[in-house]
Amino acid sequence: MAKRQNEFLSIQDLMKDVITENKLTKGMHQLSVKDAWGKLMGKGVISYTNKVELNGKTLIVNLKSSVLREELSYGKEKIIKMMNEELGEVLILKLILS
């Protein structure tokens, strides 16, 4: 009979292992980025957002309003910094507003 291991893992550590073993990190990053965008930008910006997509290290945000796109373009660096802080790691290096 095999010897039992008495290691206790937290659910968070266990989920990280499952995600990396099954190569699900890219999809999880996509979900995290969408959630962070919604949390940081608020309902007003979300109502004008068509699509939020992470492509490599580039965040692509498709907006309905050209006026909002122009306003957000002035604060791209701040948005990138806030998003990375919210995500807890540097996932975004570039922001494209379209």
PDB file of N, CA and C in Angstrom:
ATOM      1  N   MET A   1       0.839  -1.173   0.000  1.00  0.00           N
ATOM      2  CA  MET A   1       0.000   0.000   0.000  1.00  0.00           C
ATOM      3  C   MET A   1       0.891   1.246   0.000  1.00  0.00           C
ATOM      4  N   ALA A   2       0.519   2.234  -0.773  1.00  0.00           N
ATOM      5  CA  ALA A   2       1.309   3.455  -0.883  1.00  0.00           C
ATOM      6  C   ALA A   2       1.218   4.265   0.405  1.00  0.00           C
ATOM      7  N   LYS A   3       2.312   4.918   0.709  1.00  0.00           N
ATOM      8  CA  LYS A   3       2.369   5.737   1.916  1.00  0.00           C
ATOM      9  C   LYS A   3       1.610   7.045   1.672  1.00  0.00           C
ATOM     10  N   ARG A   4       0.857   7.453   2.629  1.00  0.00           N
ATOM     11  CA  ARG A   4       0.080   8.678   2.533  1.00  0.00           C
ATOM     12  C   ARG A   4       0.945   9.903   2.758  1.00  0.00           C
ATOM     13  N   GLN A   5       0.727  10.912   1.960  1.00  0.00           N
ATOM     14  CA  GLN A   5       1.440  12.163   2.174  1.00  0.00           C
ATOM     15  C   GLN A   5       0.603  13.050   3.072  1.00  0.00           C
ATOM     16  N   ASN A   6       1.232  13.636   4.054  1.00  0.00           N
ATOM     17  CA  ASN A   6       0.517  14.487   5.000  1.00  0.00           C
ATOM     18  C   ASN A   6       0.698  15.967   4.677  1.00  0.00           C
ATOM     19  N   GLU A   7       0.857  16.280   3.393  1.00  0.00           N
ATOM     20  CA  GLU A   7       0.964  17.670   2.995  1.00  0.00           C
ATOM     21  C   GLU A   7      -0.429  18.245   2.805  1.00  0.00           C
ATOM     22  N   PHE A   8      -0.634  19.399   3.364  1.00  0.00           N
ATOM     23  CA  PHE A   8      -1.906  20.082   3.196  1.00  0.00           C
ATOM     24  C   PHE A   8      -1.673  21.262   2.277  1.00  0.00           C
ATOM     25  N   LEU A   9      -2.475  21.366   1.245  1.00  0.00           N
ATOM     26  CA  LEU A   9      -2.387  22.473   0.302  1.00  0.00           C
ATOM     27  C   LEU A   9      -3.640  23.325   0.418  1.00  0.00           C
ATOM     28  N   SER A  10      -3.451  24.612   0.269  1.00  0.00           N
ATOM     29  CA  SER A  10      -4.628  25.480   0.270  1.00  0.00           C
ATOM     30  C   SER A  10      -5.347  25.311  -1.066  1.00  0.00           C
ATOM     31  N   ILE A  11      -6.594  25.662  -1.085  1.00  0.00           N
ATOM     32  CA  ILE A  11      -7.378  25.561  -2.322  1.00  0.00           C
ATOM     33  C   ILE A  11      -6.759  26.448  -3.393  1.00  0.00           C
ATOM     34  N   GLN A  12      -6.253  27.612  -2.997  1.00  0.00           N
ATOM     35  CA  GLN A  12      -5.644  28.535  -3.953  1.00  0.00           C
ATOM     36  C   GLN A  12      -4.427  27.895  -4.614  1.00  0.00           C
ATOM     37  N   ASP A  13      -3.561  27.267  -3.835  1.00  0.00           N
ATOM     38  CA  ASP A  13      -2.388  26.600  -4.393  1.00  0.00           C
ATOM     39  C   ASP A  13      -2.784  25.439  -5.290  1.00  0.00           C
ATOM     40  N   LEU A  14      -3.785  24.713  -4.874  1.00  0.00           N
ATOM     41  CA  LEU A  14      -4.268  23.576  -5.649  1.00  0.00           C
ATOM     42  C   LEU A  14      -4.834  24.048  -6.994  1.00  0.00           C
ATOM     43  N   MET A  15      -5.598  25.137  -6.977  1.00  0.00           N
ATOM     44  CA  MET A  15      -6.162  25.672  -8.218  1.00  0.00           C
ATOM     45  C   MET A  15      -5.062  26.172  -9.152  1.00  0.00           C
ATOM     46  N   LYS A  16      -4.031  26.800  -8.606  1.00  0.00           N
ATOM     47  CA  LYS A  16      -2.909  27.249  -9.435  1.00  0.00           C
ATOM     48  C   LYS A  16      -2.239  26.063 -10.117  1.00  0.00           C
ATOM     49  N   ASP A  17      -2.060  24.981  -9.372  1.00  0.00           N
ATOM     50  CA  ASP A  17      -1.464  23.775  -9.951  1.00  0.00           C
ATOM     51  C   ASP A  17      -2.324  23.211 -11.067  1.00  0.00           C
ATOM     52  N   VAL A  18      -3.630  23.151 -10.853  1.00  0.00           N
ATOM     53  CA  VAL A  18      -4.547  22.629 -11.868  1.00  0.00           C
ATOM     54  C   VAL A  18      -4.510  23.504 -13.115  1.00  0.00           C
ATOM     55  N   ILE A  19      -4.505  24.815 -12.923  1.00  0.00           N
ATOM     56  CA  ILE A  19      -4.498  25.750 -14.053  1.00  0.00           C
ATOM     57  C   ILE A  19      -3.223  25.606 -14.872  1.00  0.00           C
ATOM     58  N   THR A  20      -2.067  25.522 -14.208  1.00  0.00           N
ATOM     59  CA  THR A  20      -0.817  25.403 -14.956  1.00  0.00           C
ATOM     60  C   THR A  20      -0.666  24.038 -15.612  1.00  0.00           C
ATOM     61  N   GLU A  21      -1.083  22.983 -14.939  1.00  0.00           N
ATOM     62  CA  GLU A  21      -0.970  21.639 -15.519  1.00  0.00           C
ATOM     63  C   GLU A  21      -1.850  21.481 -16.750  1.00  0.00           C
ATOM     64  N   ASN A  22      -2.997  22.128 -16.769  1.00  0.00           N
ATOM     65  CA  ASN A  22      -3.925  22.005 -17.885  1.00  0.00           C
ATOM     66  C   ASN A  22      -3.801  23.132 -18.906  1.00  0.00           C
ATOM     67  N   LYS A  23      -2.757  23.950 -18.743  1.00  0.00           N
ATOM     68  CA  LYS A  23      -2.472  25.062 -19.661  1.00  0.00           C
ATOM     69  C   LYS A  23      -3.676  25.989 -19.831  1.00  0.00           C
ATOM     70  N   LEU A  24      -4.238  26.402 -18.722  1.00  0.00           N
ATOM     71  CA  LEU A  24      -5.406  27.278 -18.726  1.00  0.00           C
ATOM     72  C   LEU A  24      -5.067  28.723 -18.354  1.00  0.00           C
ATOM     73  N   THR A  25      -3.799  29.032 -18.205  1.00  0.00           N
ATOM     74  CA  THR A  25      -3.405  30.363 -17.732  1.00  0.00           C
ATOM     75  C   THR A  25      -3.859  31.471 -18.669  1.00  0.00           C
ATOM     76  N   LYS A  26      -3.741  31.259 -19.964  1.00  0.00           N
ATOM     77  CA  LYS A  26      -4.124  32.299 -20.920  1.00  0.00           C
ATOM     78  C   LYS A  26      -5.601  32.653 -20.769  1.00  0.00           C
ATOM     79  N   GLY A  27      -6.448  31.657 -20.671  1.00  0.00           N
ATOM     80  CA  GLY A  27      -7.875  31.892 -20.501  1.00  0.00           C
ATOM     81  C   GLY A  27      -8.202  32.551 -19.178  1.00  0.00           C
ATOM     82  N   MET A  28      -7.497  32.161 -18.135  1.00  0.00           N
ATOM     83  CA  MET A  28      -7.723  32.764 -16.821  1.00  0.00           C
ATOM     84  C   MET A  28      -7.289  34.228 -16.823  1.00  0.00           C
ATOM     85  N   HIS A  29      -6.190  34.527 -17.537  1.00  0.00           N
ATOM     86  CA  HIS A  29      -5.754  35.927 -17.648  1.00  0.00           C
ATOM     87  C   HIS A  29      -6.802  36.756 -18.389  1.00  0.00           C
ATOM     88  N   GLN A  30      -7.397  36.180 -19.433  1.00  0.00           N
ATOM     89  CA  GLN A  30      -8.445  36.887 -20.181  1.00  0.00           C
ATOM     90  C   GLN A  30      -9.603  37.258 -19.248  1.00  0.00           C
ATOM     91  N   LEU A  31     -10.032  36.300 -18.443  1.00  0.00           N
ATOM     92  CA  LEU A  31     -11.135  36.552 -17.514  1.00  0.00           C
ATOM     93  C   LEU A  31     -10.754  37.584 -16.462  1.00  0.00           C
ATOM     94  N   SER A  32      -9.537  37.480 -15.954  1.00  0.00           N
ATOM     95  CA  SER A  32      -9.068  38.414 -14.930  1.00  0.00           C
ATOM     96  C   SER A  32      -9.022  39.838 -15.476  1.00  0.00           C
ATOM     97  N   VAL A  33      -8.563  39.981 -16.708  1.00  0.00           N
ATOM     98  CA  VAL A  33      -8.459  41.306 -17.324  1.00  0.00           C
ATOM     99  C   VAL A  33      -9.854  41.908 -17.516  1.00  0.00           C
ATOM    100  N   LYS A  34     -10.804  41.116 -17.967  1.00  0.00           N
ATOM    101  CA  LYS A  34     -12.170  41.619 -18.149  1.00  0.00           C
ATOM    102  C   LYS A  34     -12.775  42.049 -16.819  1.00  0.00           C
ATOM    103  N   ASP A  35     -12.562  41.254 -15.791  1.00  0.00           N
ATOM    104  CA  ASP A  35     -13.076  41.604 -14.464  1.00  0.00           C
ATOM    105  C   ASP A  35     -12.422  42.878 -13.933  1.00  0.00           C
ATOM    106  N   ALA A  36     -11.106  42.993 -14.109  1.00  0.00           N
ATOM    107  CA  ALA A  36     -10.382  44.174 -13.630  1.00  0.00           C
ATOM    108  C   ALA A  36     -10.840  45.428 -14.364  1.00  0.00           C
ATOM    109  N   TRP A  37     -11.059  45.319 -15.678  1.00  0.00           N
ATOM    110  CA  TRP A  37     -11.531  46.467 -16.464  1.00  0.00           C
ATOM    111  C   TRP A  37     -12.884  46.946 -15.925  1.00  0.00           C
ATOM    112  N   GLY A  38     -13.778  46.007 -15.691  1.00  0.00           N
ATOM    113  CA  GLY A  38     -15.092  46.360 -15.173  1.00  0.00           C
ATOM    114  C   GLY A  38     -15.033  46.988 -13.791  1.00  0.00           C
ATOM    115  N   LYS A  39     -14.172  46.453 -12.950  1.00  0.00           N
ATOM    116  CA  LYS A  39     -14.054  46.959 -11.584  1.00  0.00           C
ATOM    117  C   LYS A  39     -13.439  48.357 -11.551  1.00  0.00           C
ATOM    118  N   LEU A  40     -12.406  48.584 -12.356  1.00  0.00           N
ATOM    119  CA  LEU A  40     -11.693  49.860 -12.317  1.00  0.00           C
ATOM    120  C   LEU A  40     -12.392  50.976 -13.089  1.00  0.00           C
ATOM    121  N   MET A  41     -13.047  50.643 -14.181  1.00  0.00           N
ATOM    122  CA  MET A  41     -13.614  51.675 -15.050  1.00  0.00           C
ATOM    123  C   MET A  41     -15.030  52.086 -14.656  1.00  0.00           C
ATOM    124  N   GLY A  42     -15.740  51.227 -14.003  1.00  0.00           N
ATOM    125  CA  GLY A  42     -17.083  51.581 -13.547  1.00  0.00           C
ATOM    126  C   GLY A  42     -18.155  51.363 -14.606  1.00  0.00           C
ATOM    127  N   LYS A  43     -19.402  51.552 -14.188  1.00  0.00           N
ATOM    128  CA  LYS A  43     -20.555  51.261 -15.038  1.00  0.00           C
ATOM    129  C   LYS A  43     -20.635  52.167 -16.263  1.00  0.00           C
ATOM    130  N   GLY A  44     -20.233  53.418 -16.119  1.00  0.00           N
ATOM    131  CA  GLY A  44     -20.307  54.358 -17.240  1.00  0.00           C
ATOM    132  C   GLY A  44     -19.457  53.930 -18.414  1.00  0.00           C
ATOM    133  N   VAL A  45     -18.215  53.564 -18.143  1.00  0.00           N
ATOM    134  CA  VAL A  45     -17.305  53.137 -19.205  1.00  0.00           C
ATOM    135  C   VAL A  45     -17.706  51.757 -19.713  1.00  0.00           C
ATOM    136  N   ILE A  46     -18.134  50.885 -18.819  1.00  0.00           N
ATOM    137  CA  ILE A  46     -18.544  49.532 -19.210  1.00  0.00           C
ATOM    138  C   ILE A  46     -19.701  49.582 -20.201  1.00  0.00           C
ATOM    139  N   SER A  47     -20.616  50.525 -20.017  1.00  0.00           N
ATOM    140  CA  SER A  47     -21.762  50.608 -20.921  1.00  0.00           C
ATOM    141  C   SER A  47     -21.338  50.982 -22.345  1.00  0.00           C
ATOM    142  N   TYR A  48     -20.167  51.595 -22.503  1.00  0.00           N
ATOM    143  CA  TYR A  48     -19.658  51.956 -23.825  1.00  0.00           C
ATOM    144  C   TYR A  48     -18.564  50.999 -24.322  1.00  0.00           C
ATOM    145  N   THR A  49     -18.328  49.929 -23.587  1.00  0.00           N
ATOM    146  CA  THR A  49     -17.282  48.970 -23.959  1.00  0.00           C
ATOM    147  C   THR A  49     -17.899  47.789 -24.699  1.00  0.00           C
ATOM    148  N   ASN A  50     -17.392  47.529 -25.910  1.00  0.00           N
ATOM    149  CA  ASN A  50     -17.849  46.374 -26.690  1.00  0.00           C
ATOM    150  C   ASN A  50     -17.075  45.117 -26.326  1.00  0.00           C
ATOM    151  N   LYS A  51     -15.756  45.242 -26.273  1.00  0.00           N
ATOM    152  CA  LYS A  51     -14.917  44.060 -26.099  1.00  0.00           C
ATOM    153  C   LYS A  51     -13.622  44.426 -25.388  1.00  0.00           C
ATOM    154  N   VAL A  52     -13.186  43.552 -24.477  1.00  0.00           N
ATOM    155  CA  VAL A  52     -11.899  43.686 -23.786  1.00  0.00           C
ATOM    156  C   VAL A  52     -11.145  42.386 -24.029  1.00  0.00           C
ATOM    157  N   GLU A  53      -9.963  42.502 -24.618  1.00  0.00           N
ATOM    158  CA  GLU A  53      -9.203  41.307 -25.001  1.00  0.00           C
ATOM    159  C   GLU A  53      -7.723  41.500 -24.691  1.00  0.00           C
ATOM    160  N   LEU A  54      -7.112  40.468 -24.153  1.00  0.00           N
ATOM    161  CA  LEU A  54      -5.673  40.475 -23.895  1.00  0.00           C
ATOM    162  C   LEU A  54      -5.008  39.655 -24.985  1.00  0.00           C
ATOM    163  N   ASN A  55      -4.144  40.300 -25.772  1.00  0.00           N
ATOM    164  CA  ASN A  55      -3.437  39.642 -26.860  1.00  0.00           C
ATOM    165  C   ASN A  55      -1.943  39.746 -26.567  1.00  0.00           C
ATOM    166  N   GLY A  56      -1.374  38.700 -26.003  1.00  0.00           N
ATOM    167  CA  GLY A  56       0.017  38.762 -25.557  1.00  0.00           C
ATOM    168  C   GLY A  56       0.106  39.680 -24.353  1.00  0.00           C
ATOM    169  N   LYS A  57       0.887  40.736 -24.472  1.00  0.00           N
ATOM    170  CA  LYS A  57       1.010  41.736 -23.407  1.00  0.00           C
ATOM    171  C   LYS A  57       0.266  43.018 -23.768  1.00  0.00           C
ATOM    172  N   THR A  58      -0.603  42.944 -24.794  1.00  0.00           N
ATOM    173  CA  THR A  58      -1.342  44.104 -25.256  1.00  0.00           C
ATOM    174  C   THR A  58      -2.820  43.964 -24.891  1.00  0.00           C
ATOM    175  N   LEU A  59      -3.364  44.978 -24.242  1.00  0.00           N
ATOM    176  CA  LEU A  59      -4.783  45.022 -23.919  1.00  0.00           C
ATOM    177  C   LEU A  59      -5.489  45.798 -25.016  1.00  0.00           C
ATOM    178  N   ILE A  60      -6.456  45.144 -25.662  1.00  0.00           N
ATOM    179  CA  ILE A  60      -7.217  45.770 -26.733  1.00  0.00           C
ATOM    180  C   ILE A  60      -8.637  45.982 -26.230  1.00  0.00           C
ATOM    181  N   VAL A  61      -9.060  47.239 -26.224  1.00  0.00           N
ATOM    182  CA  VAL A  61     -10.397  47.588 -25.741  1.00  0.00           C
ATOM    183  C   VAL A  61     -11.154  48.252 -26.883  1.00  0.00           C
ATOM    184  N   ASN A  62     -12.284  47.670 -27.258  1.00  0.00           N
ATOM    185  CA  ASN A  62     -13.129  48.206 -28.313  1.00  0.00           C
ATOM    186  C   ASN A  62     -14.243  49.007 -27.661  1.00  0.00           C
ATOM    187  N   LEU A  63     -14.314  50.300 -28.000  1.00  0.00           N
ATOM    188  CA  LEU A  63     -15.296  51.201 -27.394  1.00  0.00           C
ATOM    189  C   LEU A  63     -16.306  51.687 -28.423  1.00  0.00           C
ATOM    190  N   LYS A  64     -17.541  51.952 -27.983  1.00  0.00           N
ATOM    191  CA  LYS A  64     -18.609  52.451 -28.856  1.00  0.00           C
ATOM    192  C   LYS A  64     -18.492  53.949 -29.101  1.00  0.00           C
ATOM    193  N   SER A  65     -17.870  54.656 -28.175  1.00  0.00           N
ATOM    194  CA  SER A  65     -17.849  56.120 -28.213  1.00  0.00           C
ATOM    195  C   SER A  65     -16.462  56.649 -28.571  1.00  0.00           C
ATOM    196  N   SER A  66     -16.404  57.448 -29.631  1.00  0.00           N
ATOM    197  CA  SER A  66     -15.124  58.046 -30.023  1.00  0.00           C
ATOM    198  C   SER A  66     -14.685  59.109 -29.009  1.00  0.00           C
ATOM    199  N   VAL A  67     -15.645  59.767 -28.380  1.00  0.00           N
ATOM    200  CA  VAL A  67     -15.327  60.778 -27.371  1.00  0.00           C
ATOM    201  C   VAL A  67     -14.678  60.118 -26.156  1.00  0.00           C
ATOM    202  N   LEU A  68     -15.246  59.005 -25.702  1.00  0.00           N
ATOM    203  CA  LEU A  68     -14.673  58.266 -24.572  1.00  0.00           C
ATOM    204  C   LEU A  68     -13.300  57.721 -24.933  1.00  0.00           C
ATOM    205  N   ARG A  69     -13.150  57.218 -26.152  1.00  0.00           N
ATOM    206  CA  ARG A  69     -11.863  56.695 -26.610  1.00  0.00           C
ATOM    207  C   ARG A  69     -10.788  57.790 -26.514  1.00  0.00           C
ATOM    208  N   GLU A  70     -11.133  58.982 -26.935  1.00  0.00           N
ATOM    209  CA  GLU A  70     -10.195  60.110 -26.888  1.00  0.00           C
ATOM    210  C   GLU A  70      -9.846  60.461 -25.442  1.00  0.00           C
ATOM    211  N   GLU A  71     -10.847  60.514 -24.575  1.00  0.00           N
ATOM    212  CA  GLU A  71     -10.611  60.828 -23.164  1.00  0.00           C
ATOM    213  C   GLU A  71      -9.706  59.794 -22.508  1.00  0.00           C
ATOM    214  N   LEU A  72      -9.976  58.512 -22.742  1.00  0.00           N
ATOM    215  CA  LEU A  72      -9.171  57.452 -22.130  1.00  0.00           C
ATOM    216  C   LEU A  72      -7.758  57.407 -22.700  1.00  0.00           C
ATOM    217  N   SER A  73      -7.587  57.847 -23.939  1.00  0.00           N
ATOM    218  CA  SER A  73      -6.256  57.806 -24.554  1.00  0.00           C
ATOM    219  C   SER A  73      -5.264  58.725 -23.839  1.00  0.00           C
ATOM    220  N   TYR A  74      -5.775  59.763 -23.177  1.00  0.00           N
ATOM    221  CA  TYR A  74      -4.888  60.660 -22.430  1.00  0.00           C
ATOM    222  C   TYR A  74      -4.300  59.995 -21.190  1.00  0.00           C
ATOM    223  N   GLY A  75      -4.957  58.979 -20.682  1.00  0.00           N
ATOM    224  CA  GLY A  75      -4.499  58.330 -19.456  1.00  0.00           C
ATOM    225  C   GLY A  75      -4.080  56.882 -19.652  1.00  0.00           C
ATOM    226  N   LYS A  76      -3.573  56.542 -20.828  1.00  0.00           N
ATOM    227  CA  LYS A  76      -3.210  55.144 -21.118  1.00  0.00           C
ATOM    228  C   LYS A  76      -2.226  54.567 -20.109  1.00  0.00           C
ATOM    229  N   GLU A  77      -1.175  55.313 -19.799  1.00  0.00           N
ATOM    230  CA  GLU A  77      -0.154  54.815 -18.865  1.00  0.00           C
ATOM    231  C   GLU A  77      -0.734  54.558 -17.483  1.00  0.00           C
ATOM    232  N   LYS A  78      -1.615  55.457 -17.053  1.00  0.00           N
ATOM    233  CA  LYS A  78      -2.251  55.293 -15.744  1.00  0.00           C
ATOM    234  C   LYS A  78      -3.174  54.074 -15.739  1.00  0.00           C
ATOM    235  N   ILE A  79      -3.895  53.875 -16.838  1.00  0.00           N
ATOM    236  CA  ILE A  79      -4.794  52.712 -16.942  1.00  0.00           C
ATOM    237  C   ILE A  79      -3.987  51.422 -16.897  1.00  0.00           C
ATOM    238  N   ILE A  80      -2.880  51.378 -17.629  1.00  0.00           N
ATOM    239  CA  ILE A  80      -2.019  50.183 -17.634  1.00  0.00           C
ATOM    240  C   ILE A  80      -1.514  49.897 -16.227  1.00  0.00           C
ATOM    241  N   LYS A  81      -1.055  50.939 -15.541  1.00  0.00           N
ATOM    242  CA  LYS A  81      -0.533  50.778 -14.186  1.00  0.00           C
ATOM    243  C   LYS A  81      -1.617  50.283 -13.235  1.00  0.00           C
ATOM    244  N   MET A  82      -2.798  50.869 -13.300  1.00  0.00           N
ATOM    245  CA  MET A  82      -3.900  50.464 -12.424  1.00  0.00           C
ATOM    246  C   MET A  82      -4.336  49.027 -12.710  1.00  0.00           C
ATOM    247  N   MET A  83      -4.395  48.666 -13.982  1.00  0.00           N
ATOM    248  CA  MET A  83      -4.802  47.303 -14.351  1.00  0.00           C
ATOM    249  C   MET A  83      -3.796  46.287 -13.830  1.00  0.00           C
ATOM    250  N   ASN A  84      -2.519  46.542 -14.011  1.00  0.00           N
ATOM    251  CA  ASN A  84      -1.484  45.618 -13.538  1.00  0.00           C
ATOM    252  C   ASN A  84      -1.513  45.489 -12.017  1.00  0.00           C
ATOM    253  N   GLU A  85      -1.744  46.596 -11.321  1.00  0.00           N
ATOM    254  CA  GLU A  85      -1.842  46.539  -9.865  1.00  0.00           C
ATOM    255  C   GLU A  85      -3.043  45.704  -9.443  1.00  0.00           C
ATOM    256  N   GLU A  86      -4.161  45.879 -10.128  1.00  0.00           N
ATOM    257  CA  GLU A  86      -5.371  45.116  -9.811  1.00  0.00           C
ATOM    258  C   GLU A  86      -5.172  43.628 -10.078  1.00  0.00           C
ATOM    259  N   LEU A  87      -4.430  43.310 -11.151  1.00  0.00           N
ATOM    260  CA  LEU A  87      -4.190  41.912 -11.518  1.00  0.00           C
ATOM    261  C   LEU A  87      -3.115  41.266 -10.650  1.00  0.00           C
ATOM    262  N   GLY A  88      -2.287  42.073 -10.021  1.00  0.00           N
ATOM    263  CA  GLY A  88      -1.255  41.537  -9.134  1.00  0.00           C
ATOM    264  C   GLY A  88       0.007  41.087  -9.853  1.00  0.00           C
ATOM    265  N   GLU A  89       0.084  41.323 -11.146  1.00  0.00           N
ATOM    266  CA  GLU A  89       1.286  41.006 -11.926  1.00  0.00           C
ATOM    267  C   GLU A  89       1.278  41.846 -13.193  1.00  0.00           C
ATOM    268  N   VAL A  90       2.419  41.947 -13.836  1.00  0.00           N
ATOM    269  CA  VAL A  90       2.522  42.756 -15.044  1.00  0.00           C
ATOM    270  C   VAL A  90       2.092  41.910 -16.252  1.00  0.00           C
ATOM    271  N   LEU A  91       0.834  42.019 -16.601  1.00  0.00           N
ATOM    272  CA  LEU A  91       0.291  41.321 -17.763  1.00  0.00           C
ATOM    273  C   LEU A  91       0.157  42.237 -18.955  1.00  0.00           C
ATOM    274  N   ILE A  92       0.062  43.552 -18.707  1.00  0.00           N
ATOM    275  CA  ILE A  92      -0.214  44.522 -19.759  1.00  0.00           C
ATOM    276  C   ILE A  92       0.953  45.484 -19.903  1.00  0.00           C
ATOM    277  N   LEU A  93       1.473  45.587 -21.114  1.00  0.00           N
ATOM    278  CA  LEU A  93       2.533  46.552 -21.409  1.00  0.00           C
ATOM    279  C   LEU A  93       2.052  47.633 -22.366  1.00  0.00           C
ATOM    280  N   LYS A  94       0.985  47.340 -23.112  1.00  0.00           N
ATOM    281  CA  LYS A  94       0.494  48.274 -24.118  1.00  0.00           C
ATOM    282  C   LYS A  94      -1.028  48.253 -24.107  1.00  0.00           C
ATOM    283  N   LEU A  95      -1.646  49.411 -24.361  1.00  0.00           N
ATOM    284  CA  LEU A  95      -3.097  49.536 -24.397  1.00  0.00           C
ATOM    285  C   LEU A  95      -3.505  50.109 -25.743  1.00  0.00           C
ATOM    286  N   ILE A  96      -4.408  49.415 -26.429  1.00  0.00           N
ATOM    287  CA  ILE A  96      -4.938  49.890 -27.692  1.00  0.00           C
ATOM    288  C   ILE A  96      -6.429  50.121 -27.503  1.00  0.00           C
ATOM    289  N   LEU A  97      -6.856  51.356 -27.745  1.00  0.00           N
ATOM    290  CA  LEU A  97      -8.275  51.699 -27.668  1.00  0.00           C
ATOM    291  C   LEU A  97      -8.795  51.837 -29.095  1.00  0.00           C
ATOM    292  N   SER A  98      -9.772  51.018 -29.432  1.00  0.00           N
ATOM    293  CA  SER A  98     -10.294  51.072 -30.811  1.00  0.00           C
ATOM    294  C   SER A  98     -11.801  51.241 -30.802  1.00  0.00           C
TER     295      SER A  98
END
